[in-house]
């Protein structure tokens, strides 16, 4: 019996059953981990949120200053 004939059946079983299940499980776990945010992503998002809040406060303050010093500035846009 040749080696090819000896390995033919296990190879067919592996390719027909094990390999597809292995591929599906692999990509399912990749999808699950990609769906969640990493710790670094959460930290960056938190920093961006804080930065946006500070910028909003600054813009509001600048608008108040412009309203006091130049009341018609909004109409000139």
PDB file of N, CA and C in Angstrom:
ATOM      1  N   UNK A   1       0.839  -1.183   0.000  1.00  0.00           N
ATOM      2  CA  UNK A   1       0.000   0.000   0.000  1.00  0.00           C
ATOM      3  C   UNK A   1       0.888   1.251   0.000  1.00  0.00           C
ATOM      4  N   UNK A   2       0.550   2.158  -0.842  1.00  0.00           N
ATOM      5  CA  UNK A   2       1.329   3.383  -0.933  1.00  0.00           C
ATOM      6  C   UNK A   2       0.913   4.369   0.153  1.00  0.00           C
ATOM      7  N   UNK A   3       1.801   5.299   0.430  1.00  0.00           N
ATOM      8  CA  UNK A   3       1.538   6.313   1.454  1.00  0.00           C
ATOM      9  C   UNK A   3       0.363   7.201   1.056  1.00  0.00           C
ATOM     10  N   UNK A   4       0.242   7.500  -0.220  1.00  0.00           N
ATOM     11  CA  UNK A   4      -0.848   8.350  -0.699  1.00  0.00           C
ATOM     12  C   UNK A   4      -2.189   7.672  -0.455  1.00  0.00           C
ATOM     13  N   UNK A   5      -2.273   6.403  -0.741  1.00  0.00           N
ATOM     14  CA  UNK A   5      -3.518   5.664  -0.517  1.00  0.00           C
ATOM     15  C   UNK A   5      -3.829   5.567   0.966  1.00  0.00           C
ATOM     16  N   UNK A   6      -2.799   5.456   1.783  1.00  0.00           N
ATOM     17  CA  UNK A   6      -2.988   5.343   3.225  1.00  0.00           C
ATOM     18  C   UNK A   6      -3.512   6.659   3.819  1.00  0.00           C
ATOM     19  N   UNK A   7      -3.075   7.779   3.289  1.00  0.00           N
ATOM     20  CA  UNK A   7      -3.472   9.085   3.828  1.00  0.00           C
ATOM     21  C   UNK A   7      -4.678   9.699   3.125  1.00  0.00           C
ATOM     22  N   UNK A   8      -5.171   9.061   2.086  1.00  0.00           N
ATOM     23  CA  UNK A   8      -6.262   9.630   1.306  1.00  0.00           C
ATOM     24  C   UNK A   8      -7.521   9.830   2.151  1.00  0.00           C
ATOM     25  N   UNK A   9      -7.989   8.829   2.849  1.00  0.00           N
ATOM     26  CA  UNK A   9      -9.228   8.924   3.630  1.00  0.00           C
ATOM     27  C   UNK A   9      -9.109   9.935   4.773  1.00  0.00           C
ATOM     28  N   UNK A  10      -8.057   9.888   5.601  1.00  0.00           N
ATOM     29  CA  UNK A  10      -7.954  10.914   6.649  1.00  0.00           C
ATOM     30  C   UNK A  10      -7.858  12.334   6.090  1.00  0.00           C
ATOM     31  N   UNK A  11      -7.183  12.485   4.955  1.00  0.00           N
ATOM     32  CA  UNK A  11      -7.072  13.803   4.345  1.00  0.00           C
ATOM     33  C   UNK A  11      -8.425  14.304   3.856  1.00  0.00           C
ATOM     34  N   UNK A  12      -9.208  13.443   3.254  1.00  0.00           N
ATOM     35  CA  UNK A  12     -10.547  13.822   2.792  1.00  0.00           C
ATOM     36  C   UNK A  12     -11.430  14.192   3.974  1.00  0.00           C
ATOM     37  N   UNK A  13     -11.369  13.406   5.042  1.00  0.00           N
ATOM     38  CA  UNK A  13     -12.167  13.716   6.240  1.00  0.00           C
ATOM     39  C   UNK A  13     -11.727  15.058   6.827  1.00  0.00           C
ATOM     40  N   UNK A  14     -10.427  15.283   6.893  1.00  0.00           N
ATOM     41  CA  UNK A  14      -9.928  16.551   7.423  1.00  0.00           C
ATOM     42  C   UNK A  14     -10.413  17.727   6.582  1.00  0.00           C
ATOM     43  N   UNK A  15     -10.291  17.620   5.275  1.00  0.00           N
ATOM     44  CA  UNK A  15     -10.689  18.720   4.395  1.00  0.00           C
ATOM     45  C   UNK A  15     -12.198  18.925   4.357  1.00  0.00           C
ATOM     46  N   UNK A  16     -12.965  17.866   4.545  1.00  0.00           N
ATOM     47  CA  UNK A  16     -14.421  17.978   4.453  1.00  0.00           C
ATOM     48  C   UNK A  16     -15.065  18.380   5.771  1.00  0.00           C
ATOM     49  N   UNK A  17     -14.450  18.029   6.904  1.00  0.00           N
ATOM     50  CA  UNK A  17     -15.095  18.271   8.196  1.00  0.00           C
ATOM     51  C   UNK A  17     -14.293  19.248   9.053  1.00  0.00           C
ATOM     52  N   UNK A  18     -13.070  18.927   9.324  1.00  0.00           N
ATOM     53  CA  UNK A  18     -12.290  19.698  10.292  1.00  0.00           C
ATOM     54  C   UNK A  18     -11.924  21.085   9.761  1.00  0.00           C
ATOM     55  N   UNK A  19     -11.435  21.173   8.553  1.00  0.00           N
ATOM     56  CA  UNK A  19     -10.991  22.462   8.010  1.00  0.00           C
ATOM     57  C   UNK A  19     -12.113  23.501   7.941  1.00  0.00           C
ATOM     58  N   UNK A  20     -13.315  23.164   7.424  1.00  0.00           N
ATOM     59  CA  UNK A  20     -14.373  24.183   7.406  1.00  0.00           C
ATOM     60  C   UNK A  20     -14.789  24.646   8.802  1.00  0.00           C
ATOM     61  N   UNK A  21     -14.876  23.709   9.749  1.00  0.00           N
ATOM     62  CA  UNK A  21     -15.232  24.090  11.123  1.00  0.00           C
ATOM     63  C   UNK A  21     -14.143  24.983  11.703  1.00  0.00           C
ATOM     64  N   UNK A  22     -12.923  24.632  11.478  1.00  0.00           N
ATOM     65  CA  UNK A  22     -11.793  25.413  11.962  1.00  0.00           C
ATOM     66  C   UNK A  22     -11.835  26.833  11.397  1.00  0.00           C
ATOM     67  N   UNK A  23     -12.094  26.973  10.126  1.00  0.00           N
ATOM     68  CA  UNK A  23     -12.155  28.292   9.483  1.00  0.00           C
ATOM     69  C   UNK A  23     -13.315  29.118  10.035  1.00  0.00           C
ATOM     70  N   UNK A  24     -14.481  28.498  10.195  1.00  0.00           N
ATOM     71  CA  UNK A  24     -15.647  29.213  10.724  1.00  0.00           C
ATOM     72  C   UNK A  24     -15.380  29.689  12.145  1.00  0.00           C
ATOM     73  N   UNK A  25     -14.837  28.836  12.978  1.00  0.00           N
ATOM     74  CA  UNK A  25     -14.548  29.219  14.370  1.00  0.00           C
ATOM     75  C   UNK A  25     -13.491  30.321  14.405  1.00  0.00           C
ATOM     76  N   UNK A  26     -12.494  30.223  13.568  1.00  0.00           N
ATOM     77  CA  UNK A  26     -11.445  31.239  13.521  1.00  0.00           C
ATOM     78  C   UNK A  26     -12.026  32.616  13.196  1.00  0.00           C
ATOM     79  N   UNK A  27     -12.820  32.700  12.138  1.00  0.00           N
ATOM     80  CA  UNK A  27     -13.365  33.996  11.748  1.00  0.00           C
ATOM     81  C   UNK A  27     -14.454  34.477  12.700  1.00  0.00           C
ATOM     82  N   UNK A  28     -15.150  33.563  13.351  1.00  0.00           N
ATOM     83  CA  UNK A  28     -16.136  33.970  14.351  1.00  0.00           C
ATOM     84  C   UNK A  28     -15.443  34.632  15.531  1.00  0.00           C
ATOM     85  N   UNK A  29     -14.335  34.059  15.998  1.00  0.00           N
ATOM     86  CA  UNK A  29     -13.617  34.677  17.113  1.00  0.00           C
ATOM     87  C   UNK A  29     -12.984  36.000  16.693  1.00  0.00           C
ATOM     88  N   UNK A  30     -12.500  36.099  15.466  1.00  0.00           N
ATOM     89  CA  UNK A  30     -11.971  37.374  14.965  1.00  0.00           C
ATOM     90  C   UNK A  30     -13.063  38.435  14.939  1.00  0.00           C
ATOM     91  N   UNK A  31     -14.248  38.050  14.483  1.00  0.00           N
ATOM     92  CA  UNK A  31     -15.366  38.988  14.407  1.00  0.00           C
ATOM     93  C   UNK A  31     -15.766  39.449  15.803  1.00  0.00           C
ATOM     94  N   UNK A  32     -15.800  38.516  16.768  1.00  0.00           N
ATOM     95  CA  UNK A  32     -16.183  38.859  18.133  1.00  0.00           C
ATOM     96  C   UNK A  32     -15.186  39.816  18.771  1.00  0.00           C
ATOM     97  N   UNK A  33     -13.899  39.584  18.570  1.00  0.00           N
ATOM     98  CA  UNK A  33     -12.910  40.478  19.168  1.00  0.00           C
ATOM     99  C   UNK A  33     -12.876  41.831  18.463  1.00  0.00           C
ATOM    100  N   UNK A  34     -13.140  41.866  17.183  1.00  0.00           N
ATOM    101  CA  UNK A  34     -13.148  43.139  16.455  1.00  0.00           C
ATOM    102  C   UNK A  34     -14.380  43.965  16.791  1.00  0.00           C
ATOM    103  N   UNK A  35     -15.432  43.309  17.257  1.00  0.00           N
ATOM    104  CA  UNK A  35     -16.681  44.001  17.570  1.00  0.00           C
ATOM    105  C   UNK A  35     -16.546  44.851  18.827  1.00  0.00           C
ATOM    106  N   UNK A  36     -15.676  44.482  19.734  1.00  0.00           N
ATOM    107  CA  UNK A  36     -15.526  45.212  20.983  1.00  0.00           C
ATOM    108  C   UNK A  36     -14.375  46.204  20.878  1.00  0.00           C
ATOM    109  N   UNK A  37     -14.432  47.244  21.688  1.00  0.00           N
ATOM    110  CA  UNK A  37     -13.363  48.235  21.717  1.00  0.00           C
ATOM    111  C   UNK A  37     -12.241  47.750  22.626  1.00  0.00           C
ATOM    112  N   UNK A  38     -11.028  47.997  22.224  1.00  0.00           N
ATOM    113  CA  UNK A  38      -9.891  47.661  23.077  1.00  0.00           C
ATOM    114  C   UNK A  38      -9.767  48.730  24.167  1.00  0.00           C
ATOM    115  N   UNK A  39      -8.919  48.442  25.142  1.00  0.00           N
ATOM    116  CA  UNK A  39      -8.718  49.393  26.236  1.00  0.00           C
ATOM    117  C   UNK A  39      -8.157  50.713  25.697  1.00  0.00           C
ATOM    118  N   UNK A  40      -7.234  50.624  24.753  1.00  0.00           N
ATOM    119  CA  UNK A  40      -6.662  51.842  24.161  1.00  0.00           C
ATOM    120  C   UNK A  40      -7.717  52.638  23.396  1.00  0.00           C
ATOM    121  N   UNK A  41      -8.602  51.934  22.688  1.00  0.00           N
ATOM    122  CA  UNK A  41      -9.674  52.616  21.957  1.00  0.00           C
ATOM    123  C   UNK A  41     -10.619  53.325  22.914  1.00  0.00           C
ATOM    124  N   UNK A  42     -10.955  52.662  24.023  1.00  0.00           N
ATOM    125  CA  UNK A  42     -11.839  53.287  25.014  1.00  0.00           C
ATOM    126  C   UNK A  42     -11.183  54.518  25.622  1.00  0.00           C
ATOM    127  N   UNK A  43      -9.889  54.434  25.902  1.00  0.00           N
ATOM    128  CA  UNK A  43      -9.177  55.571  26.482  1.00  0.00           C
ATOM    129  C   UNK A  43      -9.126  56.738  25.493  1.00  0.00           C
ATOM    130  N   UNK A  44      -8.847  56.445  24.238  1.00  0.00           N
ATOM    131  CA  UNK A  44      -8.815  57.490  23.211  1.00  0.00           C
ATOM    132  C   UNK A  44     -10.179  58.136  23.049  1.00  0.00           C
ATOM    133  N   UNK A  45     -11.219  57.326  23.045  1.00  0.00           N
ATOM    134  CA  UNK A  45     -12.576  57.845  22.924  1.00  0.00           C
ATOM    135  C   UNK A  45     -12.924  58.741  24.106  1.00  0.00           C
ATOM    136  N   UNK A  46     -12.519  58.344  25.296  1.00  0.00           N
ATOM    137  CA  UNK A  46     -12.774  59.157  26.485  1.00  0.00           C
ATOM    138  C   UNK A  46     -12.037  60.496  26.400  1.00  0.00           C
ATOM    139  N   UNK A  47     -10.782  60.457  25.958  1.00  0.00           N
ATOM    140  CA  UNK A  47     -10.017  61.701  25.812  1.00  0.00           C
ATOM    141  C   UNK A  47     -10.644  62.616  24.765  1.00  0.00           C
ATOM    142  N   UNK A  48     -11.098  62.044  23.669  1.00  0.00           N
ATOM    143  CA  UNK A  48     -11.750  62.850  22.632  1.00  0.00           C
ATOM    144  C   UNK A  48     -13.047  63.468  23.147  1.00  0.00           C
ATOM    145  N   UNK A  49     -13.790  62.712  23.948  1.00  0.00           N
ATOM    146  CA  UNK A  49     -15.038  63.222  24.516  1.00  0.00           C
ATOM    147  C   UNK A  49     -14.758  64.411  25.431  1.00  0.00           C
ATOM    148  N   UNK A  50     -13.726  64.284  26.281  1.00  0.00           N
ATOM    149  CA  UNK A  50     -13.364  65.382  27.178  1.00  0.00           C
ATOM    150  C   UNK A  50     -12.893  66.601  26.377  1.00  0.00           C
ATOM    151  N   UNK A  51     -12.113  66.357  25.348  1.00  0.00           N
ATOM    152  CA  UNK A  51     -11.621  67.448  24.504  1.00  0.00           C
ATOM    153  C   UNK A  51     -12.774  68.160  23.806  1.00  0.00           C
ATOM    154  N   UNK A  52     -13.748  67.406  23.330  1.00  0.00           N
ATOM    155  CA  UNK A  52     -14.910  68.009  22.668  1.00  0.00           C
ATOM    156  C   UNK A  52     -15.712  68.855  23.645  1.00  0.00           C
ATOM    157  N   UNK A  53     -15.847  68.394  24.879  1.00  0.00           N
ATOM    158  CA  UNK A  53     -16.584  69.169  25.885  1.00  0.00           C
ATOM    159  C   UNK A  53     -15.861  70.485  26.182  1.00  0.00           C
ATOM    160  N   UNK A  54     -14.525  70.429  26.301  1.00  0.00           N
ATOM    161  CA  UNK A  54     -13.754  71.653  26.547  1.00  0.00           C
ATOM    162  C   UNK A  54     -13.877  72.619  25.371  1.00  0.00           C
ATOM    163  N   UNK A  55     -13.806  72.089  24.159  1.00  0.00           N
ATOM    164  CA  UNK A  55     -13.931  72.944  22.974  1.00  0.00           C
ATOM    165  C   UNK A  55     -15.310  73.576  22.899  1.00  0.00           C
ATOM    166  N   UNK A  56     -16.334  72.828  23.269  1.00  0.00           N
ATOM    167  CA  UNK A  56     -17.691  73.376  23.267  1.00  0.00           C
ATOM    168  C   UNK A  56     -17.802  74.535  24.253  1.00  0.00           C
ATOM    169  N   UNK A  57     -17.202  74.378  25.436  1.00  0.00           N
ATOM    170  CA  UNK A  57     -17.211  75.458  26.425  1.00  0.00           C
ATOM    171  C   UNK A  57     -16.464  76.688  25.899  1.00  0.00           C
ATOM    172  N   UNK A  58     -15.333  76.462  25.256  1.00  0.00           N
ATOM    173  CA  UNK A  58     -14.558  77.583  24.713  1.00  0.00           C
ATOM    174  C   UNK A  58     -15.332  78.316  23.621  1.00  0.00           C
ATOM    175  N   UNK A  59     -15.975  77.571  22.747  1.00  0.00           N
ATOM    176  CA  UNK A  59     -16.766  78.191  21.680  1.00  0.00           C
ATOM    177  C   UNK A  59     -17.907  79.009  22.269  1.00  0.00           C
ATOM    178  N   UNK A  60     -18.553  78.459  23.281  1.00  0.00           N
ATOM    179  CA  UNK A  60     -19.651  79.184  23.936  1.00  0.00           C
ATOM    180  C   UNK A  60     -19.128  80.482  24.553  1.00  0.00           C
ATOM    181  N   UNK A  61     -17.970  80.416  25.211  1.00  0.00           N
ATOM    182  CA  UNK A  61     -17.375  81.612  25.812  1.00  0.00           C
ATOM    183  C   UNK A  61     -17.017  82.644  24.741  1.00  0.00           C
ATOM    184  N   UNK A  62     -16.419  82.186  23.640  1.00  0.00           N
ATOM    185  CA  UNK A  62     -16.075  83.112  22.553  1.00  0.00           C
ATOM    186  C   UNK A  62     -17.315  83.761  21.948  1.00  0.00           C
ATOM    187  N   UNK A  63     -18.382  83.000  21.810  1.00  0.00           N
ATOM    188  CA  UNK A  63     -19.625  83.570  21.283  1.00  0.00           C
ATOM    189  C   UNK A  63     -20.185  84.619  22.231  1.00  0.00           C
ATOM    190  N   UNK A  64     -20.082  84.387  23.538  1.00  0.00           N
ATOM    191  CA  UNK A  64     -20.551  85.383  24.507  1.00  0.00           C
ATOM    192  C   UNK A  64     -19.721  86.665  24.407  1.00  0.00           C
ATOM    193  N   UNK A  65     -18.406  86.509  24.256  1.00  0.00           N
ATOM    194  CA  UNK A  65     -17.537  87.688  24.129  1.00  0.00           C
ATOM    195  C   UNK A  65     -17.877  88.457  22.855  1.00  0.00           C
ATOM    196  N   UNK A  66     -18.054  87.742  21.753  1.00  0.00           N
ATOM    197  CA  UNK A  66     -18.404  88.408  20.496  1.00  0.00           C
ATOM    198  C   UNK A  66     -19.776  89.069  20.579  1.00  0.00           C
ATOM    199  N   UNK A  67     -20.736  88.425  21.243  1.00  0.00           N
ATOM    200  CA  UNK A  67     -22.060  89.036  21.411  1.00  0.00           C
ATOM    201  C   UNK A  67     -21.957  90.341  22.187  1.00  0.00           C
ATOM    202  N   UNK A  68     -21.077  90.384  23.197  1.00  0.00           N
ATOM    203  CA  UNK A  68     -20.936  91.588  24.019  1.00  0.00           C
ATOM    204  C   UNK A  68     -20.183  92.690  23.273  1.00  0.00           C
ATOM    205  N   UNK A  69     -19.144  92.328  22.536  1.00  0.00           N
ATOM    206  CA  UNK A  69     -18.307  93.336  21.894  1.00  0.00           C
ATOM    207  C   UNK A  69     -18.792  93.734  20.503  1.00  0.00           C
ATOM    208  N   UNK A  70     -19.404  92.813  19.784  1.00  0.00           N
ATOM    209  CA  UNK A  70     -19.858  93.091  18.424  1.00  0.00           C
ATOM    210  C   UNK A  70     -21.210  92.412  18.219  1.00  0.00           C
ATOM    211  N   UNK A  71     -22.301  93.092  18.638  1.00  0.00           N
ATOM    212  CA  UNK A  71     -23.618  92.451  18.639  1.00  0.00           C
ATOM    213  C   UNK A  71     -24.096  91.938  17.277  1.00  0.00           C
ATOM    214  N   UNK A  72     -23.651  92.494  16.184  1.00  0.00           N
ATOM    215  CA  UNK A  72     -24.159  92.071  14.888  1.00  0.00           C
ATOM    216  C   UNK A  72     -23.270  91.056  14.169  1.00  0.00           C
ATOM    217  N   UNK A  73     -22.373  90.420  14.871  1.00  0.00           N
ATOM    218  CA  UNK A  73     -21.420  89.524  14.207  1.00  0.00           C
ATOM    219  C   UNK A  73     -22.087  88.302  13.594  1.00  0.00           C
ATOM    220  N   UNK A  74     -23.185  87.855  14.153  1.00  0.00           N
ATOM    221  CA  UNK A  74     -23.858  86.661  13.615  1.00  0.00           C
ATOM    222  C   UNK A  74     -24.537  86.972  12.275  1.00  0.00           C
ATOM    223  N   UNK A  75     -25.006  88.185  12.107  1.00  0.00           N
ATOM    224  CA  UNK A  75     -25.695  88.562  10.875  1.00  0.00           C
ATOM    225  C   UNK A  75     -24.705  88.732   9.716  1.00  0.00           C
ATOM    226  N   UNK A  76     -23.444  88.973  10.006  1.00  0.00           N
ATOM    227  CA  UNK A  76     -22.435  89.194   8.973  1.00  0.00           C
ATOM    228  C   UNK A  76     -21.885  87.900   8.389  1.00  0.00           C
ATOM    229  N   UNK A  77     -22.311  86.801   8.859  1.00  0.00           N
ATOM    230  CA  UNK A  77     -21.774  85.524   8.370  1.00  0.00           C
ATOM    231  C   UNK A  77     -22.209  85.322   7.005  1.00  0.00           C
TER     232      UNK A  77
END
